[in-house]
């Protein structure tokens, strides 16, 4: 189990590393010194990762209860990552193709 003292004294390394707590909750320490709470969970048979927030803003005491519920911040009115707003365009899985209009008239625009 993590303690607040371990979280406070965690120092950055050349590569990002993780300090694990219970219920697949962990703290990701970045080379720049950022401390991010993340939670691994399974949804529809697939493993997912939810970001709970940065360490000074989200304490260990706040992150633990968030990692025990299937949808940590839905009660606070946050939107799930899988939901899209009604006015957004569908997400394309392919890059936009370049225009071939220049081939029709022989000049580039």
C-alpha atoms as a PDB file:
ATOM      1  CA  UNK A   1       0.000   0.000   0.000  1.00  0.00           C
ATOM      2  CA  UNK A   2       1.150   3.472  -0.816  1.00  0.00           C
ATOM      3  CA  UNK A   3       1.534   6.123   1.823  1.00  0.00           C
ATOM      4  CA  UNK A   4       1.385   9.875   1.420  1.00  0.00           C
ATOM      5  CA  UNK A   5       5.052  10.103   2.414  1.00  0.00           C
ATOM      6  CA  UNK A   6       6.070   7.767  -0.451  1.00  0.00           C
ATOM      7  CA  UNK A   7       4.044   9.848  -2.906  1.00  0.00           C
ATOM      8  CA  UNK A   8       5.570  13.129  -1.718  1.00  0.00           C
ATOM      9  CA  UNK A   9       9.154  11.839  -1.823  1.00  0.00           C
ATOM     10  CA  UNK A  10       8.933  10.124  -5.234  1.00  0.00           C
ATOM     11  CA  UNK A  11      11.626  11.649  -7.451  1.00  0.00           C
ATOM     12  CA  UNK A  12      11.674  11.772 -11.261  1.00  0.00           C
ATOM     13  CA  UNK A  13      13.918   9.390 -13.194  1.00  0.00           C
ATOM     14  CA  UNK A  14      15.130   9.504 -16.813  1.00  0.00           C
ATOM     15  CA  UNK A  15      12.180   7.282 -17.830  1.00  0.00           C
ATOM     16  CA  UNK A  16       8.588   7.347 -16.532  1.00  0.00           C
ATOM     17  CA  UNK A  17       7.886   4.813 -13.789  1.00  0.00           C
ATOM     18  CA  UNK A  18       4.909   3.637 -11.745  1.00  0.00           C
ATOM     19  CA  UNK A  19       4.301   3.221  -8.023  1.00  0.00           C
ATOM     20  CA  UNK A  20       1.409   0.813  -7.465  1.00  0.00           C
ATOM     21  CA  UNK A  21      -1.301   0.876  -4.815  1.00  0.00           C
ATOM     22  CA  UNK A  22      -4.262  -1.473  -4.319  1.00  0.00           C
ATOM     23  CA  UNK A  23      -7.084  -2.056  -6.850  1.00  0.00           C
ATOM     24  CA  UNK A  24      -4.823  -1.410  -9.877  1.00  0.00           C
ATOM     25  CA  UNK A  25      -4.365   2.225  -8.861  1.00  0.00           C
ATOM     26  CA  UNK A  26      -0.930   3.663  -9.527  1.00  0.00           C
ATOM     27  CA  UNK A  27       1.007   6.900  -9.586  1.00  0.00           C
ATOM     28  CA  UNK A  28       2.905   7.619 -12.795  1.00  0.00           C
ATOM     29  CA  UNK A  29       5.989   9.761 -12.231  1.00  0.00           C
ATOM     30  CA  UNK A  30       7.199  11.468 -15.408  1.00  0.00           C
ATOM     31  CA  UNK A  31      10.781  12.609 -16.147  1.00  0.00           C
ATOM     32  CA  UNK A  32       9.580  16.230 -15.902  1.00  0.00           C
ATOM     33  CA  UNK A  33       8.448  15.609 -12.317  1.00  0.00           C
ATOM     34  CA  UNK A  34       4.707  15.249 -12.894  1.00  0.00           C
ATOM     35  CA  UNK A  35       2.817  12.827 -10.671  1.00  0.00           C
ATOM     36  CA  UNK A  36      -0.351  11.492 -12.280  1.00  0.00           C
ATOM     37  CA  UNK A  37      -2.913   9.161 -10.730  1.00  0.00           C
ATOM     38  CA  UNK A  38      -4.066   6.439 -13.116  1.00  0.00           C
ATOM     39  CA  UNK A  39      -6.364   3.472 -12.709  1.00  0.00           C
ATOM     40  CA  UNK A  40      -6.383   0.315 -14.843  1.00  0.00           C
ATOM     41  CA  UNK A  41      -9.776  -1.342 -15.189  1.00  0.00           C
ATOM     42  CA  UNK A  42     -11.575  -3.751 -17.502  1.00  0.00           C
ATOM     43  CA  UNK A  43     -14.611  -2.717 -19.543  1.00  0.00           C
ATOM     44  CA  UNK A  44     -16.311  -5.011 -22.054  1.00  0.00           C
ATOM     45  CA  UNK A  45     -13.448  -7.475 -21.710  1.00  0.00           C
ATOM     46  CA  UNK A  46     -10.837  -4.850 -22.657  1.00  0.00           C
ATOM     47  CA  UNK A  47      -8.250  -3.266 -20.411  1.00  0.00           C
ATOM     48  CA  UNK A  48      -8.568   0.502 -20.103  1.00  0.00           C
ATOM     49  CA  UNK A  49      -6.740   3.217 -18.189  1.00  0.00           C
ATOM     50  CA  UNK A  50      -8.460   6.195 -16.602  1.00  0.00           C
ATOM     51  CA  UNK A  51      -6.571   9.296 -15.548  1.00  0.00           C
ATOM     52  CA  UNK A  52      -7.795  10.504 -12.163  1.00  0.00           C
ATOM     53  CA  UNK A  53      -5.725  13.683 -11.926  1.00  0.00           C
ATOM     54  CA  UNK A  54      -2.387  15.121 -10.874  1.00  0.00           C
ATOM     55  CA  UNK A  55      -1.004  14.511  -7.382  1.00  0.00           C
ATOM     56  CA  UNK A  56      -1.175  17.895  -5.723  1.00  0.00           C
ATOM     57  CA  UNK A  57      -4.777  18.382  -6.914  1.00  0.00           C
ATOM     58  CA  UNK A  58      -5.913  14.797  -6.260  1.00  0.00           C
ATOM     59  CA  UNK A  59      -4.570  13.367  -3.024  1.00  0.00           C
ATOM     60  CA  UNK A  60      -4.065   9.696  -2.224  1.00  0.00           C
ATOM     61  CA  UNK A  61      -7.184   9.784  -0.055  1.00  0.00           C
ATOM     62  CA  UNK A  62      -9.216  11.141  -2.995  1.00  0.00           C
ATOM     63  CA  UNK A  63      -7.762   8.730  -5.569  1.00  0.00           C
ATOM     64  CA  UNK A  64      -8.444   5.519  -3.612  1.00  0.00           C
ATOM     65  CA  UNK A  65     -12.269   5.767  -3.509  1.00  0.00           C
ATOM     66  CA  UNK A  66     -12.277   6.845  -7.154  1.00  0.00           C
ATOM     67  CA  UNK A  67     -10.503   3.637  -8.148  1.00  0.00           C
ATOM     68  CA  UNK A  68     -12.982   1.348  -6.406  1.00  0.00           C
ATOM     69  CA  UNK A  69     -16.056   2.333  -8.434  1.00  0.00           C
ATOM     70  CA  UNK A  70     -16.530   1.355 -12.086  1.00  0.00           C
ATOM     71  CA  UNK A  71     -17.084   4.963 -13.152  1.00  0.00           C
ATOM     72  CA  UNK A  72     -15.064   7.135 -10.781  1.00  0.00           C
ATOM     73  CA  UNK A  73     -16.167  10.662 -11.655  1.00  0.00           C
ATOM     74  CA  UNK A  74     -19.598  10.090 -13.202  1.00  0.00           C
ATOM     75  CA  UNK A  75     -21.268  11.109  -9.947  1.00  0.00           C
ATOM     76  CA  UNK A  76     -19.555  14.499 -10.159  1.00  0.00           C
ATOM     77  CA  UNK A  77     -21.011  15.179 -13.612  1.00  0.00           C
ATOM     78  CA  UNK A  78     -17.951  14.399 -15.715  1.00  0.00           C
ATOM     79  CA  UNK A  79     -18.403  12.964 -19.185  1.00  0.00           C
ATOM     80  CA  UNK A  80     -17.101   9.479 -19.858  1.00  0.00           C
ATOM     81  CA  UNK A  81     -14.323   9.361 -22.483  1.00  0.00           C
ATOM     82  CA  UNK A  82     -16.442   7.100 -24.706  1.00  0.00           C
ATOM     83  CA  UNK A  83     -19.251   9.658 -24.922  1.00  0.00           C
ATOM     84  CA  UNK A  84     -19.226  12.304 -27.636  1.00  0.00           C
ATOM     85  CA  UNK A  85     -21.090  15.562 -27.709  1.00  0.00           C
ATOM     86  CA  UNK A  86     -24.144  15.665 -29.954  1.00  0.00           C
ATOM     87  CA  UNK A  87     -22.634  18.233 -32.324  1.00  0.00           C
ATOM     88  CA  UNK A  88     -19.335  16.485 -32.965  1.00  0.00           C
ATOM     89  CA  UNK A  89     -18.414  14.804 -36.198  1.00  0.00           C
ATOM     90  CA  UNK A  90     -17.796  11.060 -36.353  1.00  0.00           C
ATOM     91  CA  UNK A  91     -14.186  10.177 -35.805  1.00  0.00           C
ATOM     92  CA  UNK A  92     -12.496   8.844 -38.923  1.00  0.00           C
ATOM     93  CA  UNK A  93      -9.983   6.047 -38.554  1.00  0.00           C
ATOM     94  CA  UNK A  94      -8.188   7.077 -41.743  1.00  0.00           C
ATOM     95  CA  UNK A  95      -6.248  10.166 -42.696  1.00  0.00           C
ATOM     96  CA  UNK A  96      -7.877  12.605 -45.043  1.00  0.00           C
ATOM     97  CA  UNK A  97      -6.812  11.949 -48.615  1.00  0.00           C
ATOM     98  CA  UNK A  98      -5.089  14.743 -50.511  1.00  0.00           C
ATOM     99  CA  UNK A  99      -7.129  16.474 -53.147  1.00  0.00           C
ATOM    100  CA  UNK A 100      -6.700  15.222 -56.689  1.00  0.00           C
ATOM    101  CA  UNK A 101      -8.220  18.351 -58.237  1.00  0.00           C
ATOM    102  CA  UNK A 102      -4.854  19.322 -59.735  1.00  0.00           C
ATOM    103  CA  UNK A 103      -4.868  16.162 -61.843  1.00  0.00           C
ATOM    104  CA  UNK A 104      -8.128  17.152 -63.513  1.00  0.00           C
ATOM    105  CA  UNK A 105      -6.864  20.438 -64.929  1.00  0.00           C
ATOM    106  CA  UNK A 106      -3.112  19.740 -64.896  1.00  0.00           C
ATOM    107  CA  UNK A 107      -2.145  22.532 -62.473  1.00  0.00           C
ATOM    108  CA  UNK A 108      -1.647  22.559 -58.742  1.00  0.00           C
ATOM    109  CA  UNK A 109      -3.575  25.003 -56.620  1.00  0.00           C
END
